[in-house]
C-alpha atoms as a PDB file:
ATOM      1  CA  UNK A   1       0.000   0.000   0.000  1.00  0.00           C
ATOM      2  CA  UNK A   2       1.509   3.267  -1.095  1.00  0.00           C
ATOM      3  CA  UNK A   3       1.713   6.557   0.778  1.00  0.00           C
ATOM      4  CA  UNK A   4       2.803  10.118   0.016  1.00  0.00           C
ATOM      5  CA  UNK A   5       6.002  11.955   0.751  1.00  0.00           C
ATOM      6  CA  UNK A   6       6.211  15.758   1.161  1.00  0.00           C
ATOM      7  CA  UNK A   7       9.510  17.406   0.151  1.00  0.00           C
ATOM      8  CA  UNK A   8      11.153  18.782   3.312  1.00  0.00           C
ATOM      9  CA  UNK A   9      11.348  22.570   3.831  1.00  0.00           C
ATOM     10  CA  UNK A  10      15.168  22.602   3.875  1.00  0.00           C
ATOM     11  CA  UNK A  11      15.425  21.192   0.299  1.00  0.00           C
ATOM     12  CA  UNK A  12      13.057  23.787  -1.192  1.00  0.00           C
ATOM     13  CA  UNK A  13      13.833  27.315  -2.325  1.00  0.00           C
ATOM     14  CA  UNK A  14      11.895  30.096  -0.647  1.00  0.00           C
ATOM     15  CA  UNK A  15       8.587  30.714  -2.461  1.00  0.00           C
ATOM     16  CA  UNK A  16       8.665  27.316  -4.206  1.00  0.00           C
ATOM     17  CA  UNK A  17       5.553  25.271  -3.410  1.00  0.00           C
ATOM     18  CA  UNK A  18       5.922  21.885  -1.759  1.00  0.00           C
ATOM     19  CA  UNK A  19       5.617  18.819  -3.959  1.00  0.00           C
ATOM     20  CA  UNK A  20       3.800  15.662  -3.037  1.00  0.00           C
ATOM     21  CA  UNK A  21       5.036  12.437  -4.621  1.00  0.00           C
ATOM     22  CA  UNK A  22       3.637   8.937  -4.239  1.00  0.00           C
ATOM     23  CA  UNK A  23       5.874   6.473  -2.392  1.00  0.00           C
ATOM     24  CA  UNK A  24       5.007   3.582  -4.684  1.00  0.00           C
ATOM     25  CA  UNK A  25       7.969   2.413  -6.726  1.00  0.00           C
ATOM     26  CA  UNK A  26       5.902   1.655  -9.821  1.00  0.00           C
ATOM     27  CA  UNK A  27       4.363   5.132 -10.088  1.00  0.00           C
ATOM     28  CA  UNK A  28       5.896   7.786 -12.321  1.00  0.00           C
ATOM     29  CA  UNK A  29       7.391  10.803 -10.528  1.00  0.00           C
ATOM     30  CA  UNK A  30       5.149  13.880 -10.344  1.00  0.00           C
ATOM     31  CA  UNK A  31       6.803  17.078 -11.638  1.00  0.00           C
ATOM     32  CA  UNK A  32       6.913  20.014  -9.211  1.00  0.00           C
ATOM     33  CA  UNK A  33       4.095  22.592  -9.456  1.00  0.00           C
ATOM     34  CA  UNK A  34       4.918  25.750 -11.307  1.00  0.00           C
ATOM     35  CA  UNK A  35       3.201  29.128 -11.071  1.00  0.00           C
ATOM     36  CA  UNK A  36       0.197  29.537 -13.408  1.00  0.00           C
ATOM     37  CA  UNK A  37       2.011  31.941 -15.763  1.00  0.00           C
ATOM     38  CA  UNK A  38       4.892  29.513 -16.279  1.00  0.00           C
ATOM     39  CA  UNK A  39       2.481  26.619 -16.808  1.00  0.00           C
ATOM     40  CA  UNK A  40       0.561  28.623 -19.449  1.00  0.00           C
ATOM     41  CA  UNK A  41       3.797  29.602 -21.205  1.00  0.00           C
ATOM     42  CA  UNK A  42       4.881  25.949 -21.238  1.00  0.00           C
ATOM     43  CA  UNK A  43       1.499  24.911 -22.637  1.00  0.00           C
ATOM     44  CA  UNK A  44       1.786  27.529 -25.409  1.00  0.00           C
ATOM     45  CA  UNK A  45       5.292  26.308 -26.246  1.00  0.00           C
ATOM     46  CA  UNK A  46       3.990  22.728 -26.478  1.00  0.00           C
ATOM     47  CA  UNK A  47       1.294  23.822 -28.973  1.00  0.00           C
ATOM     48  CA  UNK A  48       2.966  26.278 -31.355  1.00  0.00           C
ATOM     49  CA  UNK A  49       0.042  26.177 -33.787  1.00  0.00           C
ATOM     50  CA  UNK A  50      -2.354  27.441 -31.109  1.00  0.00           C
ATOM     51  CA  UNK A  51       0.021  30.183 -29.994  1.00  0.00           C
ATOM     52  CA  UNK A  52       0.421  31.376 -33.574  1.00  0.00           C
ATOM     53  CA  UNK A  53      -3.322  31.347 -34.050  1.00  0.00           C
ATOM     54  CA  UNK A  54      -3.880  33.373 -30.855  1.00  0.00           C
ATOM     55  CA  UNK A  55      -1.137  35.968 -31.284  1.00  0.00           C
ATOM     56  CA  UNK A  56      -0.714  36.959 -34.937  1.00  0.00           C
ATOM     57  CA  UNK A  57       2.203  39.133 -35.901  1.00  0.00           C
ATOM     58  CA  UNK A  58       1.222  42.829 -36.130  1.00  0.00           C
ATOM     59  CA  UNK A  59       0.800  43.883 -39.736  1.00  0.00           C
ATOM     60  CA  UNK A  60       2.411  46.983 -41.133  1.00  0.00           C
ATOM     61  CA  UNK A  61       0.087  49.996 -41.067  1.00  0.00           C
ATOM     62  CA  UNK A  62      -1.415  50.672 -44.496  1.00  0.00           C
ATOM     63  CA  UNK A  63      -0.632  53.967 -46.173  1.00  0.00           C
ATOM     64  CA  UNK A  64      -3.465  56.514 -45.758  1.00  0.00           C
ATOM     65  CA  UNK A  65      -5.752  56.744 -48.763  1.00  0.00           C
ATOM     66  CA  UNK A  66      -6.315  59.935 -50.739  1.00  0.00           C
ATOM     67  CA  UNK A  67      -9.888  60.112 -49.400  1.00  0.00           C
ATOM     68  CA  UNK A  68      -8.610  59.869 -45.809  1.00  0.00           C
ATOM     69  CA  UNK A  69      -6.123  62.670 -46.445  1.00  0.00           C
ATOM     70  CA  UNK A  70      -8.854  64.870 -47.924  1.00  0.00           C
ATOM     71  CA  UNK A  71     -11.148  64.056 -44.983  1.00  0.00           C
ATOM     72  CA  UNK A  72      -8.468  65.009 -42.464  1.00  0.00           C
ATOM     73  CA  UNK A  73      -7.744  68.233 -44.375  1.00  0.00           C
ATOM     74  CA  UNK A  74     -11.465  69.072 -44.302  1.00  0.00           C
ATOM     75  CA  UNK A  75     -11.590  68.370 -40.566  1.00  0.00           C
ATOM     76  CA  UNK A  76      -8.666  70.747 -39.992  1.00  0.00           C
ATOM     77  CA  UNK A  77     -10.433  73.586 -41.794  1.00  0.00           C
ATOM     78  CA  UNK A  78     -13.875  73.091 -40.219  1.00  0.00           C
ATOM     79  CA  UNK A  79     -15.486  75.865 -38.187  1.00  0.00           C
ATOM     80  CA  UNK A  80     -18.129  74.705 -35.703  1.00  0.00           C
ATOM     81  CA  UNK A  81     -20.374  77.248 -34.008  1.00  0.00           C
ATOM     82  CA  UNK A  82     -21.838  75.286 -31.087  1.00  0.00           C
ATOM     83  CA  UNK A  83     -25.251  75.535 -29.467  1.00  0.00           C
ATOM     84  CA  UNK A  84     -26.023  78.739 -27.585  1.00  0.00           C
ATOM     85  CA  UNK A  85     -23.044  80.475 -29.235  1.00  0.00           C
ATOM     86  CA  UNK A  86     -23.505  83.608 -31.370  1.00  0.00           C
ATOM     87  CA  UNK A  87     -20.983  84.656 -34.002  1.00  0.00           C
ATOM     88  CA  UNK A  88     -21.053  87.716 -36.239  1.00  0.00           C
ATOM     89  CA  UNK A  89     -18.657  89.149 -38.816  1.00  0.00           C
ATOM     90  CA  UNK A  90     -16.785  87.897 -41.883  1.00  0.00           C
ATOM     91  CA  UNK A  91     -15.918  84.230 -42.386  1.00  0.00           C
ATOM     92  CA  UNK A  92     -13.324  83.445 -45.046  1.00  0.00           C
ATOM     93  CA  UNK A  93     -11.492  80.371 -46.288  1.00  0.00           C
ATOM     94  CA  UNK A  94     -12.935  77.470 -44.339  1.00  0.00           C
ATOM     95  CA  UNK A  95     -13.753  74.145 -45.951  1.00  0.00           C
ATOM     96  CA  UNK A  96     -16.851  73.533 -43.851  1.00  0.00           C
ATOM     97  CA  UNK A  97     -19.019  75.616 -41.545  1.00  0.00           C
ATOM     98  CA  UNK A  98     -21.240  73.786 -39.053  1.00  0.00           C
ATOM     99  CA  UNK A  99     -23.884  76.016 -37.453  1.00  0.00           C
ATOM    100  CA  UNK A 100     -25.495  74.731 -34.268  1.00  0.00           C
ATOM    101  CA  UNK A 101     -25.897  78.170 -32.687  1.00  0.00           C
ATOM    102  CA  UNK A 102     -26.471  81.577 -34.303  1.00  0.00           C
ATOM    103  CA  UNK A 103     -24.320  83.098 -37.048  1.00  0.00           C
ATOM    104  CA  UNK A 104     -24.753  86.529 -38.623  1.00  0.00           C
ATOM    105  CA  UNK A 105     -22.050  86.831 -41.233  1.00  0.00           C
ATOM    106  CA  UNK A 106     -20.821  87.239 -44.756  1.00  0.00           C
ATOM    107  CA  UNK A 107     -19.434  83.820 -45.771  1.00  0.00           C
ATOM    108  CA  UNK A 108     -16.924  83.570 -48.640  1.00  0.00           C
ATOM    109  CA  UNK A 109     -14.544  80.881 -49.933  1.00  0.00           C
ATOM    110  CA  UNK A 110     -16.239  78.044 -48.071  1.00  0.00           C
ATOM    111  CA  UNK A 111     -17.156  74.751 -49.687  1.00  0.00           C
ATOM    112  CA  UNK A 112     -19.869  73.337 -47.413  1.00  0.00           C
ATOM    113  CA  UNK A 113     -22.367  74.676 -44.881  1.00  0.00           C
ATOM    114  CA  UNK A 114     -24.300  72.443 -42.495  1.00  0.00           C
ATOM    115  CA  UNK A 115     -27.018  74.186 -40.472  1.00  0.00           C
ATOM    116  CA  UNK A 116     -28.257  71.842 -37.735  1.00  0.00           C
ATOM    117  CA  UNK A 117     -31.748  71.716 -36.226  1.00  0.00           C
ATOM    118  CA  UNK A 118     -30.800  74.337 -33.617  1.00  0.00           C
ATOM    119  CA  UNK A 119     -28.810  76.511 -36.041  1.00  0.00           C
ATOM    120  CA  UNK A 120     -29.635  79.912 -37.544  1.00  0.00           C
ATOM    121  CA  UNK A 121     -27.599  81.645 -40.268  1.00  0.00           C
ATOM    122  CA  UNK A 122     -28.384  85.264 -41.219  1.00  0.00           C
ATOM    123  CA  UNK A 123     -26.422  87.047 -43.916  1.00  0.00           C
ATOM    124  CA  UNK A 124     -24.932  86.066 -47.243  1.00  0.00           C
ATOM    125  CA  UNK A 125     -23.132  82.932 -48.325  1.00  0.00           C
ATOM    126  CA  UNK A 126     -21.584  81.799 -51.585  1.00  0.00           C
ATOM    127  CA  UNK A 127     -20.685  78.119 -51.318  1.00  0.00           C
ATOM    128  CA  UNK A 128     -20.534  74.780 -53.156  1.00  0.00           C
ATOM    129  CA  UNK A 129     -23.012  72.748 -51.084  1.00  0.00           C
ATOM    130  CA  UNK A 130     -25.454  73.415 -48.236  1.00  0.00           C
ATOM    131  CA  UNK A 131     -27.540  71.205 -45.967  1.00  0.00           C
ATOM    132  CA  UNK A 132     -30.171  73.052 -43.971  1.00  0.00           C
ATOM    133  CA  UNK A 133     -32.040  71.410 -41.098  1.00  0.00           C
ATOM    134  CA  UNK A 134     -32.381  74.680 -39.174  1.00  0.00           C
ATOM    135  CA  UNK A 135     -32.925  78.178 -40.652  1.00  0.00           C
ATOM    136  CA  UNK A 136     -31.168  80.296 -43.262  1.00  0.00           C
ATOM    137  CA  UNK A 137     -32.174  83.938 -43.854  1.00  0.00           C
ATOM    138  CA  UNK A 138     -30.492  86.159 -46.428  1.00  0.00           C
ATOM    139  CA  UNK A 139     -28.663  85.788 -49.739  1.00  0.00           C
ATOM    140  CA  UNK A 140     -27.628  82.237 -50.564  1.00  0.00           C
ATOM    141  CA  UNK A 141     -25.728  81.075 -53.633  1.00  0.00           C
ATOM    142  CA  UNK A 142     -25.127  77.330 -53.796  1.00  0.00           C
ATOM    143  CA  UNK A 143     -23.070  76.363 -56.826  1.00  0.00           C
ATOM    144  CA  UNK A 144     -23.802  72.636 -56.621  1.00  0.00           C
ATOM    145  CA  UNK A 145     -26.497  71.171 -54.337  1.00  0.00           C
ATOM    146  CA  UNK A 146     -28.855  72.740 -51.812  1.00  0.00           C
ATOM    147  CA  UNK A 147     -30.530  70.207 -49.498  1.00  0.00           C
ATOM    148  CA  UNK A 148     -33.371  71.333 -47.229  1.00  0.00           C
ATOM    149  CA  UNK A 149     -34.179  68.626 -44.708  1.00  0.00           C
ATOM    150  CA  UNK A 150     -37.191  67.991 -42.507  1.00  0.00           C
ATOM    151  CA  UNK A 151     -36.421  66.310 -39.182  1.00  0.00           C
ATOM    152  CA  UNK A 152     -38.744  65.028 -36.469  1.00  0.00           C
ATOM    153  CA  UNK A 153     -38.198  68.036 -34.179  1.00  0.00           C
ATOM    154  CA  UNK A 154     -37.200  70.706 -36.702  1.00  0.00           C
ATOM    155  CA  UNK A 155     -37.820  71.702 -40.300  1.00  0.00           C
ATOM    156  CA  UNK A 156     -35.282  73.234 -42.628  1.00  0.00           C
ATOM    157  CA  UNK A 157     -36.336  76.739 -43.709  1.00  0.00           C
ATOM    158  CA  UNK A 158     -34.562  78.882 -46.290  1.00  0.00           C
ATOM    159  CA  UNK A 159     -35.767  82.429 -46.966  1.00  0.00           C
ATOM    160  CA  UNK A 160     -34.324  85.284 -48.995  1.00  0.00           C
ATOM    161  CA  UNK A 161     -32.588  85.450 -52.365  1.00  0.00           C
ATOM    162  CA  UNK A 162     -31.591  81.928 -53.306  1.00  0.00           C
ATOM    163  CA  UNK A 163     -29.580  80.765 -56.324  1.00  0.00           C
ATOM    164  CA  UNK A 164     -28.702  77.112 -56.728  1.00  0.00           C
ATOM    165  CA  UNK A 165     -27.379  74.556 -59.200  1.00  0.00           C
ATOM    166  CA  UNK A 166     -29.466  71.643 -57.831  1.00  0.00           C
ATOM    167  CA  UNK A 167     -32.057  71.544 -55.081  1.00  0.00           C
ATOM    168  CA  UNK A 168     -33.557  68.785 -52.951  1.00  0.00           C
ATOM    169  CA  UNK A 169     -36.334  69.531 -50.481  1.00  0.00           C
ATOM    170  CA  UNK A 170     -37.546  66.793 -48.164  1.00  0.00           C
ATOM    171  CA  UNK A 171     -41.248  66.606 -47.367  1.00  0.00           C
ATOM    172  CA  UNK A 172     -41.856  69.347 -44.789  1.00  0.00           C
ATOM    173  CA  UNK A 173     -38.854  71.496 -45.789  1.00  0.00           C
ATOM    174  CA  UNK A 174     -39.638  75.128 -46.647  1.00  0.00           C
ATOM    175  CA  UNK A 175     -38.184  77.656 -49.071  1.00  0.00           C
ATOM    176  CA  UNK A 176     -39.452  81.162 -49.846  1.00  0.00           C
ATOM    177  CA  UNK A 177     -38.265  84.392 -51.446  1.00  0.00           C
ATOM    178  CA  UNK A 178     -36.546  85.121 -54.774  1.00  0.00           C
ATOM    179  CA  UNK A 179     -35.590  81.605 -55.882  1.00  0.00           C
ATOM    180  CA  UNK A 180     -33.832  80.731 -59.142  1.00  0.00           C
ATOM    181  CA  UNK A 181     -32.134  77.664 -60.507  1.00  0.00           C
ATOM    182  CA  UNK A 182     -29.077  78.551 -62.520  1.00  0.00           C
ATOM    183  CA  UNK A 183     -26.555  76.530 -64.495  1.00  0.00           C
ATOM    184  CA  UNK A 184     -23.295  75.791 -62.689  1.00  0.00           C
ATOM    185  CA  UNK A 185     -21.319  78.173 -64.964  1.00  0.00           C
ATOM    186  CA  UNK A 186     -23.479  81.163 -64.012  1.00  0.00           C
ATOM    187  CA  UNK A 187     -22.990  80.523 -60.302  1.00  0.00           C
ATOM    188  CA  UNK A 188     -19.197  80.843 -60.395  1.00  0.00           C
ATOM    189  CA  UNK A 189     -17.896  83.939 -58.607  1.00  0.00           C
ATOM    190  CA  UNK A 190     -17.605  86.829 -61.048  1.00  0.00           C
ATOM    191  CA  UNK A 191     -14.094  87.865 -61.996  1.00  0.00           C
ATOM    192  CA  UNK A 192     -13.102  91.343 -60.859  1.00  0.00           C
ATOM    193  CA  UNK A 193     -12.501  93.535 -63.949  1.00  0.00           C
ATOM    194  CA  UNK A 194      -9.008  94.938 -64.306  1.00  0.00           C
ATOM    195  CA  UNK A 195      -8.560  98.649 -63.593  1.00  0.00           C
ATOM    196  CA  UNK A 196      -8.080 100.785 -66.737  1.00  0.00           C
ATOM    197  CA  UNK A 197      -4.508 101.766 -67.462  1.00  0.00           C
ATOM    198  CA  UNK A 198      -3.535 105.319 -66.538  1.00  0.00           C
ATOM    199  CA  UNK A 199      -2.871 107.701 -69.492  1.00  0.00           C
END
C-alpha cells in the first residue's frame, strides 16, 4: 500500500511550493508545481500552432488613402459654431461651416455649410453645397447642391434670395423668397474687372 512523501522545507527554495510524490515504486514521478504563468507559457510552447493562431504578428500599417487625407484636411479647416453660441462678422477660407448656434455673417470661400436643427444663419453665403435642417435667412448662392431637410423636431427653412445649381427639399422642408435655378457656370464667382490703365 503506497503513501505520500512531502519534500522537506530545507530542500526547497523560498517561495517554491511543496511537492507531493507517491511512495510507490511503480508510479511515475510527479513534476513540481509551477506558477500559473509559467504553466501557461509551457502549454503555449507545447502547442505552437495554437500560440500562432492566438497571437498573430502585427501587420504593417497601411498607407493613408487619398480620401482619408482629404477628410483630415477638411476636418482641420472646419469651423463649428456650437449651441447657444452667437458669431457675427466675416468668415473666409474654411472648408466647412457647421452652425449649431447663431451666425450673422458674410461667408466667402467656403465649400460646405451644415445648419443643424438648432442653427440659424443670417447674412450672405456663396458656397458649393449646403444642408439646412435649421434656418437660413439672407442671400444664398449654392453652386452645386442645396438640401433642405425635414427632421422630427425641426424643419429646414430657407428664406431670402436663393440661387442654386441643384435643389432637394424633403417633405416638410420650406423655401421662400426670390428663388432661381441657374446653371453651374453662371454661379461661379464673377471675376473682378481689371482697372483701366492710366494715361
